[in-house]
Amino acid sequence: MTVFAVFRSRTQALEADARLRRAGIPVRICATPAYAGCGCGLSCAFDARFHVRAARQIGDRYPSFAGYFREGGGRISSV
């Protein structure tokens, strides 16, 4: 399952992508899914197996972070 980390800032989405890559998390930048209903249009997508590690990296570092969403819809709580 894919998890999307949604941001309200394109700059911060790209910064988070770089941070996750440096942490060894396989991530890609993609269009924010419409069902997320928010965001700047860019999200970081990664496999759900990396959710805990990604959440540690994202933490509260990005004020524009809008939340995690699973592929197909539905918000996921932070870890």
N, C-alpha and C. Protein backbone atom coordinates (compact mmCIF):
# COMPACT_ATOMS: atom_id res chain seq x y z
N MET A 1 0.85 -1.18 0.00
CA MET A 1 0.00 0.00 0.00
C MET A 1 0.89 1.24 0.00
N THR A 2 0.49 2.23 -0.76
CA THR A 2 1.22 3.48 -0.83
C THR A 2 0.65 4.48 0.17
N VAL A 3 1.54 5.21 0.83
CA VAL A 3 1.15 6.28 1.74
C VAL A 3 1.62 7.59 1.12
N PHE A 4 0.77 8.60 1.20
CA PHE A 4 1.10 9.93 0.69
C PHE A 4 1.26 10.88 1.87
N ALA A 5 2.40 11.55 1.94
CA ALA A 5 2.60 12.63 2.91
C ALA A 5 2.26 13.91 2.15
N VAL A 6 1.20 14.58 2.56
CA VAL A 6 0.67 15.73 1.83
C VAL A 6 1.14 17.03 2.49
N PHE A 7 1.57 17.95 1.65
CA PHE A 7 2.06 19.25 2.11
C PHE A 7 1.28 20.37 1.44
N ARG A 8 1.18 21.52 2.10
CA ARG A 8 0.53 22.69 1.52
C ARG A 8 1.54 23.58 0.79
N SER A 9 2.82 23.23 0.86
CA SER A 9 3.89 24.00 0.23
C SER A 9 4.70 23.08 -0.69
N ARG A 10 4.83 23.48 -1.94
CA ARG A 10 5.63 22.69 -2.88
C ARG A 10 7.08 22.63 -2.42
N THR A 11 7.60 23.74 -1.94
CA THR A 11 8.99 23.79 -1.47
C THR A 11 9.22 22.80 -0.34
N GLN A 12 8.30 22.76 0.61
CA GLN A 12 8.47 21.85 1.74
C GLN A 12 8.26 20.40 1.33
N ALA A 13 7.42 20.14 0.36
CA ALA A 13 7.26 18.77 -0.17
C ALA A 13 8.58 18.30 -0.76
N LEU A 14 9.24 19.17 -1.53
CA LEU A 14 10.52 18.81 -2.13
C LEU A 14 11.61 18.66 -1.07
N GLU A 15 11.59 19.50 -0.06
CA GLU A 15 12.56 19.38 1.04
C GLU A 15 12.36 18.07 1.80
N ALA A 16 11.11 17.70 2.04
CA ALA A 16 10.81 16.45 2.74
C ALA A 16 11.25 15.26 1.90
N ASP A 17 11.03 15.33 0.60
CA ASP A 17 11.47 14.27 -0.30
C ASP A 17 12.99 14.06 -0.16
N ALA A 18 13.75 15.14 -0.19
CA ALA A 18 15.21 15.04 -0.07
C ALA A 18 15.60 14.46 1.29
N ARG A 19 14.91 14.89 2.34
CA ARG A 19 15.21 14.39 3.69
C ARG A 19 14.94 12.89 3.79
N LEU A 20 13.81 12.45 3.23
CA LEU A 20 13.47 11.02 3.28
C LEU A 20 14.48 10.20 2.49
N ARG A 21 14.91 10.70 1.35
CA ARG A 21 15.93 10.00 0.55
C ARG A 21 17.23 9.87 1.33
N ARG A 22 17.64 10.94 1.97
CA ARG A 22 18.89 10.89 2.78
C ARG A 22 18.78 9.87 3.91
N ALA A 23 17.56 9.65 4.39
CA ALA A 23 17.33 8.68 5.47
C ALA A 23 17.21 7.25 4.93
N GLY A 24 17.35 7.08 3.62
CA GLY A 24 17.28 5.75 3.03
C GLY A 24 15.89 5.24 2.75
N ILE A 25 14.92 6.13 2.73
CA ILE A 25 13.53 5.74 2.48
C ILE A 25 13.24 5.91 0.99
N PRO A 26 12.82 4.83 0.31
CA PRO A 26 12.48 4.97 -1.10
C PRO A 26 11.20 5.80 -1.24
N VAL A 27 11.32 6.95 -1.83
CA VAL A 27 10.21 7.91 -1.91
C VAL A 27 10.18 8.51 -3.30
N ARG A 28 9.02 8.98 -3.69
CA ARG A 28 8.89 9.69 -4.96
C ARG A 28 7.95 10.87 -4.78
N ILE A 29 8.19 11.90 -5.56
CA ILE A 29 7.27 13.05 -5.58
C ILE A 29 6.17 12.71 -6.58
N CYS A 30 4.94 12.99 -6.21
CA CYS A 30 3.82 12.73 -7.12
C CYS A 30 2.74 13.78 -6.90
N ALA A 31 1.78 13.77 -7.79
CA ALA A 31 0.63 14.67 -7.64
C ALA A 31 -0.18 14.24 -6.42
N THR A 32 -0.63 15.22 -5.66
CA THR A 32 -1.48 14.91 -4.50
C THR A 32 -2.81 14.35 -5.00
N PRO A 33 -3.23 13.19 -4.48
CA PRO A 33 -4.51 12.62 -4.90
C PRO A 33 -5.67 13.56 -4.57
N ALA A 34 -6.64 13.63 -5.44
CA ALA A 34 -7.79 14.52 -5.25
C ALA A 34 -8.53 14.22 -3.95
N TYR A 35 -8.60 12.96 -3.55
CA TYR A 35 -9.35 12.61 -2.34
C TYR A 35 -8.72 13.18 -1.07
N ALA A 36 -7.45 13.61 -1.15
CA ALA A 36 -6.82 14.22 0.03
C ALA A 36 -7.47 15.57 0.32
N GLY A 37 -7.99 16.23 -0.70
CA GLY A 37 -8.74 17.46 -0.52
C GLY A 37 -7.94 18.64 0.00
N CYS A 38 -6.64 18.57 -0.11
CA CYS A 38 -5.81 19.69 0.35
C CYS A 38 -4.44 19.55 -0.26
N GLY A 39 -3.64 20.53 -0.02
CA GLY A 39 -2.26 20.44 -0.45
C GLY A 39 -1.93 21.37 -1.60
N CYS A 40 -0.66 21.36 -1.97
CA CYS A 40 -0.13 22.25 -2.98
C CYS A 40 -0.10 21.59 -4.35
N GLY A 41 -0.44 20.32 -4.39
CA GLY A 41 -0.38 19.58 -5.63
C GLY A 41 0.73 18.56 -5.65
N LEU A 42 1.68 18.63 -4.72
CA LEU A 42 2.77 17.66 -4.64
C LEU A 42 2.74 16.95 -3.29
N SER A 43 3.01 15.66 -3.35
CA SER A 43 3.10 14.86 -2.14
C SER A 43 4.31 13.95 -2.24
N CYS A 44 4.73 13.44 -1.10
CA CYS A 44 5.77 12.41 -1.05
C CYS A 44 5.05 11.07 -0.91
N ALA A 45 5.34 10.15 -1.81
CA ALA A 45 4.72 8.83 -1.77
C ALA A 45 5.76 7.79 -1.42
N PHE A 46 5.37 6.87 -0.53
CA PHE A 46 6.28 5.80 -0.12
C PHE A 46 5.45 4.60 0.31
N ASP A 47 6.09 3.45 0.36
CA ASP A 47 5.41 2.22 0.77
C ASP A 47 5.06 2.31 2.25
N ALA A 48 3.93 1.75 2.61
CA ALA A 48 3.45 1.80 3.99
C ALA A 48 4.44 1.18 4.98
N ARG A 49 5.28 0.28 4.51
CA ARG A 49 6.28 -0.33 5.40
C ARG A 49 7.23 0.72 5.98
N PHE A 50 7.36 1.87 5.30
CA PHE A 50 8.28 2.92 5.73
C PHE A 50 7.57 4.06 6.48
N HIS A 51 6.30 3.87 6.79
CA HIS A 51 5.53 4.95 7.41
C HIS A 51 6.13 5.43 8.73
N VAL A 52 6.50 4.52 9.59
CA VAL A 52 7.05 4.90 10.90
C VAL A 52 8.36 5.67 10.71
N ARG A 53 9.23 5.16 9.87
CA ARG A 53 10.51 5.86 9.62
C ARG A 53 10.28 7.22 8.99
N ALA A 54 9.36 7.29 8.04
CA ALA A 54 9.08 8.57 7.38
C ALA A 54 8.49 9.57 8.37
N ALA A 55 7.60 9.10 9.21
CA ALA A 55 6.97 9.99 10.21
C ALA A 55 8.02 10.56 11.16
N ARG A 56 9.01 9.77 11.50
CA ARG A 56 10.09 10.29 12.36
C ARG A 56 10.87 11.39 11.65
N GLN A 57 11.09 11.22 10.35
CA GLN A 57 11.84 12.22 9.59
C GLN A 57 11.03 13.50 9.37
N ILE A 58 9.74 13.35 9.12
CA ILE A 58 8.89 14.52 8.87
C ILE A 58 8.58 15.22 10.18
N GLY A 59 8.20 14.45 11.19
CA GLY A 59 7.93 15.00 12.52
C GLY A 59 7.14 16.30 12.45
N ASP A 60 7.61 17.31 13.16
CA ASP A 60 6.95 18.62 13.14
C ASP A 60 7.85 19.65 12.47
N ARG A 61 8.70 19.18 11.58
CA ARG A 61 9.66 20.06 10.89
C ARG A 61 9.03 20.93 9.81
N TYR A 62 7.88 20.54 9.32
CA TYR A 62 7.29 21.21 8.16
C TYR A 62 5.91 21.79 8.51
N PRO A 63 5.83 23.10 8.70
CA PRO A 63 4.55 23.71 9.08
C PRO A 63 3.45 23.48 8.05
N SER A 64 3.81 23.23 6.80
CA SER A 64 2.79 23.05 5.76
C SER A 64 2.33 21.59 5.64
N PHE A 65 2.85 20.71 6.48
CA PHE A 65 2.46 19.30 6.41
C PHE A 65 0.98 19.17 6.74
N ALA A 66 0.23 18.50 5.86
CA ALA A 66 -1.22 18.39 6.01
C ALA A 66 -1.68 17.03 6.51
N GLY A 67 -0.82 16.01 6.47
CA GLY A 67 -1.20 14.70 6.97
C GLY A 67 -0.82 13.58 6.04
N TYR A 68 -1.09 12.35 6.49
CA TYR A 68 -0.83 11.15 5.72
C TYR A 68 -2.14 10.60 5.19
N PHE A 69 -2.11 10.13 3.96
CA PHE A 69 -3.29 9.52 3.34
C PHE A 69 -2.87 8.21 2.70
N ARG A 70 -3.75 7.22 2.75
CA ARG A 70 -3.45 5.94 2.11
C ARG A 70 -3.98 5.95 0.69
N GLU A 71 -3.36 5.14 -0.13
CA GLU A 71 -3.79 4.99 -1.51
C GLU A 71 -5.24 4.54 -1.54
N GLY A 72 -6.05 5.20 -2.34
CA GLY A 72 -7.47 4.86 -2.43
C GLY A 72 -8.33 5.68 -1.50
N GLY A 73 -7.72 6.46 -0.61
CA GLY A 73 -8.49 7.34 0.26
C GLY A 73 -8.36 6.98 1.72
N GLY A 74 -8.55 7.96 2.54
CA GLY A 74 -8.53 7.76 3.98
C GLY A 74 -7.29 8.31 4.64
N ARG A 75 -7.51 9.12 5.63
CA ARG A 75 -6.41 9.71 6.40
C ARG A 75 -5.83 8.66 7.32
N ILE A 76 -4.51 8.72 7.50
CA ILE A 76 -3.81 7.84 8.42
C ILE A 76 -3.27 8.72 9.55
N SER A 77 -3.41 8.26 10.76
CA SER A 77 -2.90 9.06 11.88
C SER A 77 -1.37 9.04 11.88
N SER A 78 -0.80 10.08 12.44
CA SER A 78 0.64 10.13 12.62
C SER A 78 1.05 9.06 13.60
N VAL A 79 2.29 8.63 13.48
CA VAL A 79 2.79 7.57 14.36
C VAL A 79 3.34 8.18 15.62
